[in-house]
């Protein structure tokens, strides 16, 4: 029974993935991604280019002036700070903030630890 259920889930996953990519432009994933990084750096430009290849909408926000309100239209938020340094991200989000969020690098790990999030540094 367990094996049959596993096969059924795999088939459903492949079927859904195939029908999703056929319906979306160039097989992109139908998500709006907000990348928060340092402006005009090669890293931000590279991330933007990479994300635009795979997602239907990508927006870039300046790390230095980022406000929580900028996440309103995003399905997923990526918080990044170019380079590795040993202090947490200088980003303030309310306790009500609930967007799926990815942090990149050591500053993101420290920020997650400070917020007492489960993921912390992986």
PDB file of N, CA and C in Angstrom:
ATOM      1  N   UNK A   1       0.820  -1.198   0.000  1.00  0.00           N
ATOM      2  CA  UNK A   1       0.000   0.000   0.000  1.00  0.00           C
ATOM      3  C   UNK A   1       0.862   1.259   0.000  1.00  0.00           C
ATOM      4  N   UNK A   2       1.896   1.267   0.853  1.00  0.00           N
ATOM      5  CA  UNK A   2       2.784   2.425   0.942  1.00  0.00           C
ATOM      6  C   UNK A   2       3.497   2.658  -0.393  1.00  0.00           C
ATOM      7  N   UNK A   3       3.908   1.581  -1.038  1.00  0.00           N
ATOM      8  CA  UNK A   3       4.596   1.687  -2.325  1.00  0.00           C
ATOM      9  C   UNK A   3       3.653   2.247  -3.384  1.00  0.00           C
ATOM     10  N   UNK A   4       2.416   1.796  -3.391  1.00  0.00           N
ATOM     11  CA  UNK A   4       1.434   2.285  -4.352  1.00  0.00           C
ATOM     12  C   UNK A   4       1.165   3.775  -4.145  1.00  0.00           C
ATOM     13  N   UNK A   5       1.060   4.189  -2.900  1.00  0.00           N
ATOM     14  CA  UNK A   5       0.847   5.604  -2.591  1.00  0.00           C
ATOM     15  C   UNK A   5       2.036   6.446  -3.050  1.00  0.00           C
ATOM     16  N   UNK A   6       3.239   5.945  -2.837  1.00  0.00           N
ATOM     17  CA  UNK A   6       4.445   6.656  -3.267  1.00  0.00           C
ATOM     18  C   UNK A   6       4.460   6.817  -4.783  1.00  0.00           C
ATOM     19  N   UNK A   7       4.138   5.765  -5.500  1.00  0.00           N
ATOM     20  CA  UNK A   7       4.103   5.826  -6.970  1.00  0.00           C
ATOM     21  C   UNK A   7       3.042   6.813  -7.432  1.00  0.00           C
ATOM     22  N   UNK A   8       1.880   6.778  -6.803  1.00  0.00           N
ATOM     23  CA  UNK A   8       0.803   7.699  -7.168  1.00  0.00           C
ATOM     24  C   UNK A   8       1.220   9.152  -6.943  1.00  0.00           C
ATOM     25  N   UNK A   9       1.875   9.436  -5.815  1.00  0.00           N
ATOM     26  CA  UNK A   9       2.335  10.795  -5.536  1.00  0.00           C
ATOM     27  C   UNK A   9       3.391  11.240  -6.542  1.00  0.00           C
ATOM     28  N   UNK A  10       4.305  10.340  -6.906  1.00  0.00           N
ATOM     29  CA  UNK A  10       5.314  10.681  -7.903  1.00  0.00           C
ATOM     30  C   UNK A  10       4.681  10.992  -9.255  1.00  0.00           C
ATOM     31  N   UNK A  11       3.733  10.165  -9.664  1.00  0.00           N
ATOM     32  CA  UNK A  11       3.046  10.406 -10.934  1.00  0.00           C
ATOM     33  C   UNK A  11       2.287  11.729 -10.908  1.00  0.00           C
ATOM     34  N   UNK A  12       1.619  12.006  -9.818  1.00  0.00           N
ATOM     35  CA  UNK A  12       0.894  13.264  -9.684  1.00  0.00           C
ATOM     36  C   UNK A  12       1.848  14.450  -9.747  1.00  0.00           C
ATOM     37  N   UNK A  13       2.998  14.321  -9.097  1.00  0.00           N
ATOM     38  CA  UNK A  13       4.004  15.383  -9.119  1.00  0.00           C
ATOM     39  C   UNK A  13       4.497  15.623 -10.534  1.00  0.00           C
ATOM     40  N   UNK A  14       4.831  14.559 -11.264  1.00  0.00           N
ATOM     41  CA  UNK A  14       5.303  14.725 -12.638  1.00  0.00           C
ATOM     42  C   UNK A  14       4.215  15.298 -13.526  1.00  0.00           C
ATOM     43  N   UNK A  15       2.972  14.855 -13.346  1.00  0.00           N
ATOM     44  CA  UNK A  15       1.861  15.367 -14.137  1.00  0.00           C
ATOM     45  C   UNK A  15       1.662  16.860 -13.882  1.00  0.00           C
ATOM     46  N   UNK A  16       1.646  17.254 -12.612  1.00  0.00           N
ATOM     47  CA  UNK A  16       1.461  18.661 -12.259  1.00  0.00           C
ATOM     48  C   UNK A  16       2.606  19.517 -12.770  1.00  0.00           C
ATOM     49  N   UNK A  17       3.827  19.032 -12.627  1.00  0.00           N
ATOM     50  CA  UNK A  17       4.987  19.801 -13.097  1.00  0.00           C
ATOM     51  C   UNK A  17       4.918  19.993 -14.603  1.00  0.00           C
ATOM     52  N   UNK A  18       4.510  18.971 -15.324  1.00  0.00           N
ATOM     53  CA  UNK A  18       4.387  19.073 -16.775  1.00  0.00           C
ATOM     54  C   UNK A  18       3.299  20.035 -17.192  1.00  0.00           C
ATOM     55  N   UNK A  19       2.152  19.987 -16.536  1.00  0.00           N
ATOM     56  CA  UNK A  19       1.062  20.882 -16.910  1.00  0.00           C
ATOM     57  C   UNK A  19       1.344  22.317 -16.500  1.00  0.00           C
ATOM     58  N   UNK A  20       2.073  22.514 -15.407  1.00  0.00           N
ATOM     59  CA  UNK A  20       2.444  23.866 -14.993  1.00  0.00           C
ATOM     60  C   UNK A  20       3.388  24.499 -15.993  1.00  0.00           C
ATOM     61  N   UNK A  21       4.424  23.765 -16.391  1.00  0.00           N
ATOM     62  CA  UNK A  21       5.404  24.351 -17.286  1.00  0.00           C
ATOM     63  C   UNK A  21       4.813  24.613 -18.661  1.00  0.00           C
ATOM     64  N   UNK A  22       3.840  23.831 -19.081  1.00  0.00           N
ATOM     65  CA  UNK A  22       3.222  24.061 -20.380  1.00  0.00           C
ATOM     66  C   UNK A  22       2.358  25.317 -20.363  1.00  0.00           C
ATOM     67  N   UNK A  23       1.777  25.646 -19.226  1.00  0.00           N
ATOM     68  CA  UNK A  23       0.856  26.774 -19.143  1.00  0.00           C
ATOM     69  C   UNK A  23       1.561  28.108 -18.910  1.00  0.00           C
ATOM     70  N   UNK A  24       2.779  28.085 -18.439  1.00  0.00           N
ATOM     71  CA  UNK A  24       3.482  29.314 -18.088  1.00  0.00           C
ATOM     72  C   UNK A  24       4.484  29.685 -19.173  1.00  0.00           C
ATOM     73  N   UNK A  25       4.779  30.969 -19.304  1.00  0.00           N
ATOM     74  CA  UNK A  25       5.732  31.395 -20.324  1.00  0.00           C
ATOM     75  C   UNK A  25       7.100  30.771 -20.102  1.00  0.00           C
ATOM     76  N   UNK A  26       7.601  30.124 -21.136  1.00  0.00           N
ATOM     77  CA  UNK A  26       8.931  29.526 -21.113  1.00  0.00           C
ATOM     78  C   UNK A  26       9.136  28.567 -19.957  1.00  0.00           C
ATOM     79  N   UNK A  27       8.061  27.973 -19.439  1.00  0.00           N
ATOM     80  CA  UNK A  27       8.183  27.006 -18.354  1.00  0.00           C
ATOM     81  C   UNK A  27       8.556  27.615 -17.021  1.00  0.00           C
ATOM     82  N   UNK A  28       8.311  28.901 -16.841  1.00  0.00           N
ATOM     83  CA  UNK A  28       8.672  29.567 -15.585  1.00  0.00           C
ATOM     84  C   UNK A  28       7.708  29.190 -14.464  1.00  0.00           C
ATOM     85  N   UNK A  29       8.188  29.279 -13.247  1.00  0.00           N
ATOM     86  CA  UNK A  29       7.382  29.019 -12.061  1.00  0.00           C
ATOM     87  C   UNK A  29       6.572  30.272 -11.761  1.00  0.00           C
ATOM     88  N   UNK A  30       5.293  30.093 -11.521  1.00  0.00           N
ATOM     89  CA  UNK A  30       4.385  31.226 -11.344  1.00  0.00           C
ATOM     90  C   UNK A  30       4.450  31.780  -9.918  1.00  0.00           C
ATOM     91  N   UNK A  31       5.560  32.422  -9.610  1.00  0.00           N
ATOM     92  CA  UNK A  31       5.758  33.056  -8.315  1.00  0.00           C
ATOM     93  C   UNK A  31       6.363  34.440  -8.519  1.00  0.00           C
ATOM     94  N   UNK A  32       6.004  35.344  -7.614  1.00  0.00           N
ATOM     95  CA  UNK A  32       6.616  36.670  -7.597  1.00  0.00           C
ATOM     96  C   UNK A  32       7.688  36.673  -6.524  1.00  0.00           C
ATOM     97  N   UNK A  33       8.918  36.905  -6.934  1.00  0.00           N
ATOM     98  CA  UNK A  33      10.062  36.851  -6.030  1.00  0.00           C
ATOM     99  C   UNK A  33      10.607  38.257  -5.816  1.00  0.00           C
ATOM    100  N   UNK A  34      10.834  38.610  -4.566  1.00  0.00           N
ATOM    101  CA  UNK A  34      11.474  39.875  -4.223  1.00  0.00           C
ATOM    102  C   UNK A  34      12.866  39.570  -3.699  1.00  0.00           C
ATOM    103  N   UNK A  35      13.881  40.063  -4.406  1.00  0.00           N
ATOM    104  CA  UNK A  35      15.271  39.901  -3.980  1.00  0.00           C
ATOM    105  C   UNK A  35      15.712  41.213  -3.350  1.00  0.00           C
ATOM    106  N   UNK A  36      16.131  41.158  -2.092  1.00  0.00           N
ATOM    107  CA  UNK A  36      16.601  42.337  -1.364  1.00  0.00           C
ATOM    108  C   UNK A  36      18.112  42.225  -1.234  1.00  0.00           C
ATOM    109  N   UNK A  37      18.821  43.119  -1.937  1.00  0.00           N
ATOM    110  CA  UNK A  37      20.275  43.071  -1.919  1.00  0.00           C
ATOM    111  C   UNK A  37      20.871  44.458  -2.079  1.00  0.00           C
ATOM    112  N   UNK A  38      22.181  44.509  -2.123  1.00  0.00           N
ATOM    113  CA  UNK A  38      22.864  45.785  -2.314  1.00  0.00           C
ATOM    114  C   UNK A  38      22.726  46.198  -3.783  1.00  0.00           C
ATOM    115  N   UNK A  39      22.357  47.454  -4.038  1.00  0.00           N
ATOM    116  CA  UNK A  39      22.080  47.888  -5.407  1.00  0.00           C
ATOM    117  C   UNK A  39      23.343  47.956  -6.268  1.00  0.00           C
ATOM    118  N   UNK A  40      23.151  47.723  -7.542  1.00  0.00           N
ATOM    119  CA  UNK A  40      24.201  47.899  -8.552  1.00  0.00           C
ATOM    120  C   UNK A  40      25.469  47.088  -8.302  1.00  0.00           C
ATOM    121  N   UNK A  41      25.328  45.921  -7.690  1.00  0.00           N
ATOM    122  CA  UNK A  41      26.490  45.042  -7.526  1.00  0.00           C
ATOM    123  C   UNK A  41      26.359  43.888  -8.510  1.00  0.00           C
ATOM    124  N   UNK A  42      27.479  43.271  -8.827  1.00  0.00           N
ATOM    125  CA  UNK A  42      27.451  42.113  -9.719  1.00  0.00           C
ATOM    126  C   UNK A  42      26.605  40.997  -9.129  1.00  0.00           C
ATOM    127  N   UNK A  43      26.652  40.850  -7.823  1.00  0.00           N
ATOM    128  CA  UNK A  43      25.884  39.798  -7.151  1.00  0.00           C
ATOM    129  C   UNK A  43      24.381  40.002  -7.361  1.00  0.00           C
ATOM    130  N   UNK A  44      23.901  41.214  -7.137  1.00  0.00           N
ATOM    131  CA  UNK A  44      22.478  41.505  -7.325  1.00  0.00           C
ATOM    132  C   UNK A  44      22.078  41.306  -8.782  1.00  0.00           C
ATOM    133  N   UNK A  45      22.900  41.778  -9.698  1.00  0.00           N
ATOM    134  CA  UNK A  45      22.610  41.609 -11.130  1.00  0.00           C
ATOM    135  C   UNK A  45      22.562  40.134 -11.508  1.00  0.00           C
ATOM    136  N   UNK A  46      23.482  39.343 -10.972  1.00  0.00           N
ATOM    137  CA  UNK A  46      23.498  37.906 -11.263  1.00  0.00           C
ATOM    138  C   UNK A  46      22.263  37.209 -10.709  1.00  0.00           C
ATOM    139  N   UNK A  47      21.896  37.543  -9.464  1.00  0.00           N
ATOM    140  CA  UNK A  47      20.704  36.943  -8.882  1.00  0.00           C
ATOM    141  C   UNK A  47      19.465  37.317  -9.682  1.00  0.00           C
ATOM    142  N   UNK A  48      19.355  38.580 -10.082  1.00  0.00           N
ATOM    143  CA  UNK A  48      18.197  39.034 -10.861  1.00  0.00           C
ATOM    144  C   UNK A  48      18.092  38.241 -12.154  1.00  0.00           C
ATOM    145  N   UNK A  49      19.193  38.113 -12.844  1.00  0.00           N
ATOM    146  CA  UNK A  49      19.209  37.374 -14.099  1.00  0.00           C
ATOM    147  C   UNK A  49      18.806  35.910 -13.893  1.00  0.00           C
ATOM    148  N   UNK A  50      19.365  35.286 -12.879  1.00  0.00           N
ATOM    149  CA  UNK A  50      19.048  33.888 -12.573  1.00  0.00           C
ATOM    150  C   UNK A  50      17.567  33.721 -12.220  1.00  0.00           C
ATOM    151  N   UNK A  51      17.072  34.570 -11.363  1.00  0.00           N
ATOM    152  CA  UNK A  51      15.676  34.469 -10.928  1.00  0.00           C
ATOM    153  C   UNK A  51      14.713  34.715 -12.088  1.00  0.00           C
ATOM    154  N   UNK A  52      15.035  35.654 -12.962  1.00  0.00           N
ATOM    155  CA  UNK A  52      14.157  35.954 -14.095  1.00  0.00           C
ATOM    156  C   UNK A  52      14.060  34.792 -15.078  1.00  0.00           C
ATOM    157  N   UNK A  53      15.065  33.941 -15.093  1.00  0.00           N
ATOM    158  CA  UNK A  53      15.022  32.750 -15.946  1.00  0.00           C
ATOM    159  C   UNK A  53      13.981  31.753 -15.458  1.00  0.00           C
ATOM    160  N   UNK A  54      13.689  31.765 -14.154  1.00  0.00           N
ATOM    161  CA  UNK A  54      12.890  30.694 -13.563  1.00  0.00           C
ATOM    162  C   UNK A  54      11.547  31.116 -12.974  1.00  0.00           C
ATOM    163  N   UNK A  55      11.337  32.414 -12.755  1.00  0.00           N
ATOM    164  CA  UNK A  55      10.103  32.875 -12.118  1.00  0.00           C
ATOM    165  C   UNK A  55       9.422  33.929 -12.981  1.00  0.00           C
ATOM    166  N   UNK A  56       8.084  33.984 -12.905  1.00  0.00           N
ATOM    167  CA  UNK A  56       7.317  34.882 -13.767  1.00  0.00           C
ATOM    168  C   UNK A  56       7.523  36.344 -13.446  1.00  0.00           C
ATOM    169  N   UNK A  57       7.782  36.686 -12.184  1.00  0.00           N
ATOM    170  CA  UNK A  57       7.992  38.087 -11.833  1.00  0.00           C
ATOM    171  C   UNK A  57       9.085  38.184 -10.774  1.00  0.00           C
ATOM    172  N   UNK A  58      10.033  39.081 -11.032  1.00  0.00           N
ATOM    173  CA  UNK A  58      11.143  39.297 -10.103  1.00  0.00           C
ATOM    174  C   UNK A  58      11.278  40.792  -9.861  1.00  0.00           C
ATOM    175  N   UNK A  59      11.334  41.174  -8.600  1.00  0.00           N
ATOM    176  CA  UNK A  59      11.554  42.573  -8.235  1.00  0.00           C
ATOM    177  C   UNK A  59      12.811  42.641  -7.377  1.00  0.00           C
ATOM    178  N   UNK A  60      13.492  43.777  -7.471  1.00  0.00           N
ATOM    179  CA  UNK A  60      14.708  44.004  -6.691  1.00  0.00           C
ATOM    180  C   UNK A  60      14.457  45.165  -5.730  1.00  0.00           C
ATOM    181  N   UNK A  61      14.856  44.990  -4.487  1.00  0.00           N
ATOM    182  CA  UNK A  61      14.748  46.064  -3.497  1.00  0.00           C
ATOM    183  C   UNK A  61      16.136  46.350  -2.939  1.00  0.00           C
ATOM    184  N   UNK A  62      16.385  47.607  -2.640  1.00  0.00           N
ATOM    185  CA  UNK A  62      17.655  48.044  -2.086  1.00  0.00           C
ATOM    186  C   UNK A  62      17.735  47.654  -0.610  1.00  0.00           C
ATOM    187  N   UNK A  63      18.744  46.887  -0.275  1.00  0.00           N
ATOM    188  CA  UNK A  63      18.947  46.432   1.106  1.00  0.00           C
ATOM    189  C   UNK A  63      19.013  47.610   2.085  1.00  0.00           C
ATOM    190  N   UNK A  64      19.650  48.696   1.657  1.00  0.00           N
ATOM    191  CA  UNK A  64      19.887  49.838   2.543  1.00  0.00           C
ATOM    192  C   UNK A  64      18.621  50.602   2.902  1.00  0.00           C
ATOM    193  N   UNK A  65      17.596  50.533   2.060  1.00  0.00           N
ATOM    194  CA  UNK A  65      16.362  51.296   2.306  1.00  0.00           C
ATOM    195  C   UNK A  65      15.140  50.388   2.407  1.00  0.00           C
ATOM    196  N   UNK A  66      15.363  49.100   2.541  1.00  0.00           N
ATOM    197  CA  UNK A  66      14.272  48.119   2.535  1.00  0.00           C
ATOM    198  C   UNK A  66      13.276  48.349   3.673  1.00  0.00           C
ATOM    199  N   UNK A  67      11.986  48.261   3.316  1.00  0.00           N
ATOM    200  CA  UNK A  67      10.893  48.348   4.284  1.00  0.00           C
ATOM    201  C   UNK A  67      10.009  47.113   4.117  1.00  0.00           C
ATOM    202  N   UNK A  68       9.454  46.639   5.191  1.00  0.00           N
ATOM    203  CA  UNK A  68       8.583  45.455   5.164  1.00  0.00           C
ATOM    204  C   UNK A  68       7.431  45.619   4.170  1.00  0.00           C
ATOM    205  N   UNK A  69       6.934  46.822   4.011  1.00  0.00           N
ATOM    206  CA  UNK A  69       5.804  47.075   3.105  1.00  0.00           C
ATOM    207  C   UNK A  69       6.131  46.704   1.659  1.00  0.00           C
ATOM    208  N   UNK A  70       7.415  46.656   1.300  1.00  0.00           N
ATOM    209  CA  UNK A  70       7.814  46.301  -0.055  1.00  0.00           C
ATOM    210  C   UNK A  70       7.546  44.834  -0.384  1.00  0.00           C
ATOM    211  N   UNK A  71       7.277  44.038   0.620  1.00  0.00           N
ATOM    212  CA  UNK A  71       7.040  42.610   0.392  1.00  0.00           C
ATOM    213  C   UNK A  71       5.588  42.308   0.024  1.00  0.00           C
ATOM    214  N   UNK A  72       4.737  43.319   0.010  1.00  0.00           N
ATOM    215  CA  UNK A  72       3.292  43.116  -0.174  1.00  0.00           C
ATOM    216  C   UNK A  72       2.936  42.252  -1.379  1.00  0.00           C
ATOM    217  N   UNK A  73       3.534  42.462  -2.528  1.00  0.00           N
ATOM    218  CA  UNK A  73       3.160  41.706  -3.721  1.00  0.00           C
ATOM    219  C   UNK A  73       3.960  40.444  -3.935  1.00  0.00           C
ATOM    220  N   UNK A  74       4.914  40.170  -3.074  1.00  0.00           N
ATOM    221  CA  UNK A  74       5.816  39.028  -3.278  1.00  0.00           C
ATOM    222  C   UNK A  74       5.249  37.744  -2.686  1.00  0.00           C
ATOM    223  N   UNK A  75       5.516  36.647  -3.387  1.00  0.00           N
ATOM    224  CA  UNK A  75       5.196  35.326  -2.853  1.00  0.00           C
ATOM    225  C   UNK A  75       6.354  34.809  -1.998  1.00  0.00           C
ATOM    226  N   UNK A  76       7.575  35.167  -2.401  1.00  0.00           N
ATOM    227  CA  UNK A  76       8.791  34.731  -1.716  1.00  0.00           C
ATOM    228  C   UNK A  76       9.745  35.918  -1.636  1.00  0.00           C
ATOM    229  N   UNK A  77      10.446  36.050  -0.511  1.00  0.00           N
ATOM    230  CA  UNK A  77      11.410  37.128  -0.320  1.00  0.00           C
ATOM    231  C   UNK A  77      12.786  36.515  -0.084  1.00  0.00           C
ATOM    232  N   UNK A  78      13.795  37.074  -0.754  1.00  0.00           N
ATOM    233  CA  UNK A  78      15.174  36.643  -0.546  1.00  0.00           C
ATOM    234  C   UNK A  78      15.937  37.819   0.046  1.00  0.00           C
ATOM    235  N   UNK A  79      16.504  37.620   1.230  1.00  0.00           N
ATOM    236  CA  UNK A  79      17.299  38.655   1.894  1.00  0.00           C
ATOM    237  C   UNK A  79      18.769  38.300   1.748  1.00  0.00           C
ATOM    238  N   UNK A  80      19.524  39.196   1.147  1.00  0.00           N
ATOM    239  CA  UNK A  80      20.930  38.930   0.901  1.00  0.00           C
ATOM    240  C   UNK A  80      21.739  40.197   1.145  1.00  0.00           C
ATOM    241  N   UNK A  81      22.970  40.001   1.530  1.00  0.00           N
ATOM    242  CA  UNK A  81      23.896  41.120   1.636  1.00  0.00           C
ATOM    243  C   UNK A  81      25.191  40.662   0.997  1.00  0.00           C
ATOM    244  N   UNK A  82      25.619  41.371   0.010  1.00  0.00           N
ATOM    245  CA  UNK A  82      26.795  41.000  -0.761  1.00  0.00           C
ATOM    246  C   UNK A  82      28.007  40.843   0.150  1.00  0.00           C
ATOM    247  N   UNK A  83      28.657  39.724   0.032  1.00  0.00           N
ATOM    248  CA  UNK A  83      29.858  39.497   0.818  1.00  0.00           C
ATOM    249  C   UNK A  83      29.565  38.803   2.136  1.00  0.00           C
ATOM    250  N   UNK A  84      30.602  38.375   2.775  1.00  0.00           N
ATOM    251  CA  UNK A  84      30.468  37.687   4.058  1.00  0.00           C
ATOM    252  C   UNK A  84      31.040  38.598   5.138  1.00  0.00           C
ATOM    253  N   UNK A  85      30.246  38.861   6.125  1.00  0.00           N
ATOM    254  CA  UNK A  85      30.729  39.617   7.272  1.00  0.00           C
ATOM    255  C   UNK A  85      30.123  39.005   8.523  1.00  0.00           C
ATOM    256  N   UNK A  86      30.701  39.290   9.645  1.00  0.00           N
ATOM    257  CA  UNK A  86      30.298  38.646  10.883  1.00  0.00           C
ATOM    258  C   UNK A  86      29.343  39.491  11.708  1.00  0.00           C
ATOM    259  N   UNK A  87      28.333  40.044  11.064  1.00  0.00           N
ATOM    260  CA  UNK A  87      27.254  40.696  11.802  1.00  0.00           C
ATOM    261  C   UNK A  87      25.951  40.436  11.057  1.00  0.00           C
ATOM    262  N   UNK A  88      24.866  40.470  11.791  1.00  0.00           N
ATOM    263  CA  UNK A  88      23.580  40.100  11.193  1.00  0.00           C
ATOM    264  C   UNK A  88      23.068  41.167  10.238  1.00  0.00           C
ATOM    265  N   UNK A  89      22.072  40.772   9.444  1.00  0.00           N
ATOM    266  CA  UNK A  89      21.429  41.706   8.531  1.00  0.00           C
ATOM    267  C   UNK A  89      20.808  42.850   9.319  1.00  0.00           C
ATOM    268  N   UNK A  90      20.912  44.029   8.795  1.00  0.00           N
ATOM    269  CA  UNK A  90      20.319  45.200   9.432  1.00  0.00           C
ATOM    270  C   UNK A  90      18.930  45.430   8.826  1.00  0.00           C
ATOM    271  N   UNK A  91      18.052  44.462   9.017  1.00  0.00           N
ATOM    272  CA  UNK A  91      16.709  44.512   8.464  1.00  0.00           C
ATOM    273  C   UNK A  91      15.721  44.305   9.597  1.00  0.00           C
ATOM    274  N   UNK A  92      14.721  45.164   9.630  1.00  0.00           N
ATOM    275  CA  UNK A  92      13.723  45.074  10.685  1.00  0.00           C
ATOM    276  C   UNK A  92      12.396  44.608  10.098  1.00  0.00           C
ATOM    277  N   UNK A  93      11.897  43.505  10.613  1.00  0.00           N
ATOM    278  CA  UNK A  93      10.587  42.979  10.210  1.00  0.00           C
ATOM    279  C   UNK A  93       9.746  42.780  11.466  1.00  0.00           C
ATOM    280  N   UNK A  94       8.468  43.064  11.361  1.00  0.00           N
ATOM    281  CA  UNK A  94       7.579  42.943  12.514  1.00  0.00           C
ATOM    282  C   UNK A  94       7.376  41.480  12.905  1.00  0.00           C
ATOM    283  N   UNK A  95       6.858  41.260  14.083  1.00  0.00           N
ATOM    284  CA  UNK A  95       6.545  39.901  14.528  1.00  0.00           C
ATOM    285  C   UNK A  95       5.400  39.296  13.723  1.00  0.00           C
ATOM    286  N   UNK A  96       4.623  40.137  13.044  1.00  0.00           N
ATOM    287  CA  UNK A  96       3.509  39.660  12.220  1.00  0.00           C
ATOM    288  C   UNK A  96       3.959  39.248  10.821  1.00  0.00           C
ATOM    289  N   UNK A  97       5.187  39.547  10.464  1.00  0.00           N
ATOM    290  CA  UNK A  97       5.720  39.210   9.135  1.00  0.00           C
ATOM    291  C   UNK A  97       5.631  37.705   8.931  1.00  0.00           C
ATOM    292  N   UNK A  98       5.075  37.289   7.785  1.00  0.00           N
ATOM    293  CA  UNK A  98       4.862  35.855   7.583  1.00  0.00           C
ATOM    294  C   UNK A  98       5.155  35.388   6.162  1.00  0.00           C
ATOM    295  N   UNK A  99       5.868  36.161   5.386  1.00  0.00           N
ATOM    296  CA  UNK A  99       6.209  35.758   4.016  1.00  0.00           C
ATOM    297  C   UNK A  99       7.253  34.649   4.037  1.00  0.00           C
ATOM    298  N   UNK A 100       7.142  33.699   3.113  1.00  0.00           N
ATOM    299  CA  UNK A 100       8.234  32.733   2.962  1.00  0.00           C
ATOM    300  C   UNK A 100       9.503  33.503   2.605  1.00  0.00           C
ATOM    301  N   UNK A 101      10.551  33.330   3.394  1.00  0.00           N
ATOM    302  CA  UNK A 101      11.750  34.146   3.250  1.00  0.00           C
ATOM    303  C   UNK A 101      13.001  33.273   3.295  1.00  0.00           C
ATOM    304  N   UNK A 102      13.925  33.593   2.401  1.00  0.00           N
ATOM    305  CA  UNK A 102      15.214  32.914   2.350  1.00  0.00           C
ATOM    306  C   UNK A 102      16.275  33.938   2.714  1.00  0.00           C
ATOM    307  N   UNK A 103      17.175  33.581   3.628  1.00  0.00           N
ATOM    308  CA  UNK A 103      18.316  34.446   3.914  1.00  0.00           C
ATOM    309  C   UNK A 103      19.558  33.768   3.353  1.00  0.00           C
ATOM    310  N   UNK A 104      20.490  34.575   2.886  1.00  0.00           N
ATOM    311  CA  UNK A 104      21.691  34.026   2.260  1.00  0.00           C
ATOM    312  C   UNK A 104      22.919  34.455   3.051  1.00  0.00           C
ATOM    313  N   UNK A 105      23.791  33.494   3.317  1.00  0.00           N
ATOM    314  CA  UNK A 105      25.076  33.791   3.921  1.00  0.00           C
ATOM    315  C   UNK A 105      25.052  33.942   5.432  1.00  0.00           C
ATOM    316  N   UNK A 106      26.209  34.230   5.960  1.00  0.00           N
ATOM    317  CA  UNK A 106      26.398  34.361   7.399  1.00  0.00           C
ATOM    318  C   UNK A 106      25.547  35.459   8.015  1.00  0.00           C
ATOM    319  N   UNK A 107      25.457  36.661   7.400  1.00  0.00           N
ATOM    320  CA  UNK A 107      24.588  37.689   7.999  1.00  0.00           C
ATOM    321  C   UNK A 107      23.138  37.213   8.145  1.00  0.00           C
ATOM    322  N   UNK A 108      22.648  36.469   7.160  1.00  0.00           N
ATOM    323  CA  UNK A 108      21.290  35.932   7.239  1.00  0.00           C
ATOM    324  C   UNK A 108      21.137  34.926   8.357  1.00  0.00           C
ATOM    325  N   UNK A 109      22.169  34.115   8.556  1.00  0.00           N
ATOM    326  CA  UNK A 109      22.135  33.127   9.636  1.00  0.00           C
ATOM    327  C   UNK A 109      22.068  33.814  10.998  1.00  0.00           C
ATOM    328  N   UNK A 110      22.871  34.857  11.168  1.00  0.00           N
ATOM    329  CA  UNK A 110      22.840  35.599  12.431  1.00  0.00           C
ATOM    330  C   UNK A 110      21.482  36.257  12.645  1.00  0.00           C
ATOM    331  N   UNK A 111      20.918  36.792  11.559  1.00  0.00           N
ATOM    332  CA  UNK A 111      19.603  37.441  11.647  1.00  0.00           C
ATOM    333  C   UNK A 111      18.542  36.424  12.076  1.00  0.00           C
ATOM    334  N   UNK A 112      18.580  35.227  11.478  1.00  0.00           N
ATOM    335  CA  UNK A 112      17.624  34.172  11.841  1.00  0.00           C
ATOM    336  C   UNK A 112      17.800  33.757  13.297  1.00  0.00           C
ATOM    337  N   UNK A 113      19.045  33.666  13.733  1.00  0.00           N
ATOM    338  CA  UNK A 113      19.308  33.306  15.125  1.00  0.00           C
ATOM    339  C   UNK A 113      18.744  34.378  16.064  1.00  0.00           C
ATOM    340  N   UNK A 114      18.971  35.642  15.731  1.00  0.00           N
ATOM    341  CA  UNK A 114      18.467  36.753  16.550  1.00  0.00           C
ATOM    342  C   UNK A 114      16.938  36.742  16.613  1.00  0.00           C
ATOM    343  N   UNK A 115      16.296  36.355  15.509  1.00  0.00           N
ATOM    344  CA  UNK A 115      14.831  36.288  15.460  1.00  0.00           C
ATOM    345  C   UNK A 115      14.305  34.993  16.073  1.00  0.00           C
ATOM    346  N   UNK A 116      15.230  34.127  16.506  1.00  0.00           N
ATOM    347  CA  UNK A 116      14.882  32.842  17.121  1.00  0.00           C
ATOM    348  C   UNK A 116      14.087  31.950  16.165  1.00  0.00           C
ATOM    349  N   UNK A 117      14.492  31.975  14.892  1.00  0.00           N
ATOM    350  CA  UNK A 117      13.855  31.138  13.892  1.00  0.00           C
ATOM    351  C   UNK A 117      14.478  29.747  13.899  1.00  0.00           C
ATOM    352  N   UNK A 118      13.706  28.752  13.541  1.00  0.00           N
ATOM    353  CA  UNK A 118      14.185  27.362  13.583  1.00  0.00           C
ATOM    354  C   UNK A 118      15.341  27.132  12.622  1.00  0.00           C
ATOM    355  N   UNK A 119      15.305  27.734  11.458  1.00  0.00           N
ATOM    356  CA  UNK A 119      16.274  27.442  10.417  1.00  0.00           C
ATOM    357  C   UNK A 119      17.697  27.883  10.797  1.00  0.00           C
ATOM    358  N   UNK A 120      17.838  29.050  11.348  1.00  0.00           N
ATOM    359  CA  UNK A 120      19.134  29.606  11.750  1.00  0.00           C
ATOM    360  C   UNK A 120      20.186  29.414  10.663  1.00  0.00           C
ATOM    361  N   UNK A 121      21.190  28.619  10.921  1.00  0.00           N
ATOM    362  CA  UNK A 121      22.275  28.467   9.944  1.00  0.00           C
ATOM    363  C   UNK A 121      22.323  27.033   9.464  1.00  0.00           C
ATOM    364  N   UNK A 122      21.986  26.857   8.212  1.00  0.00           N
ATOM    365  CA  UNK A 122      21.976  25.506   7.637  1.00  0.00           C
ATOM    366  C   UNK A 122      23.017  25.389   6.558  1.00  0.00           C
TER     367      UNK A 122
END
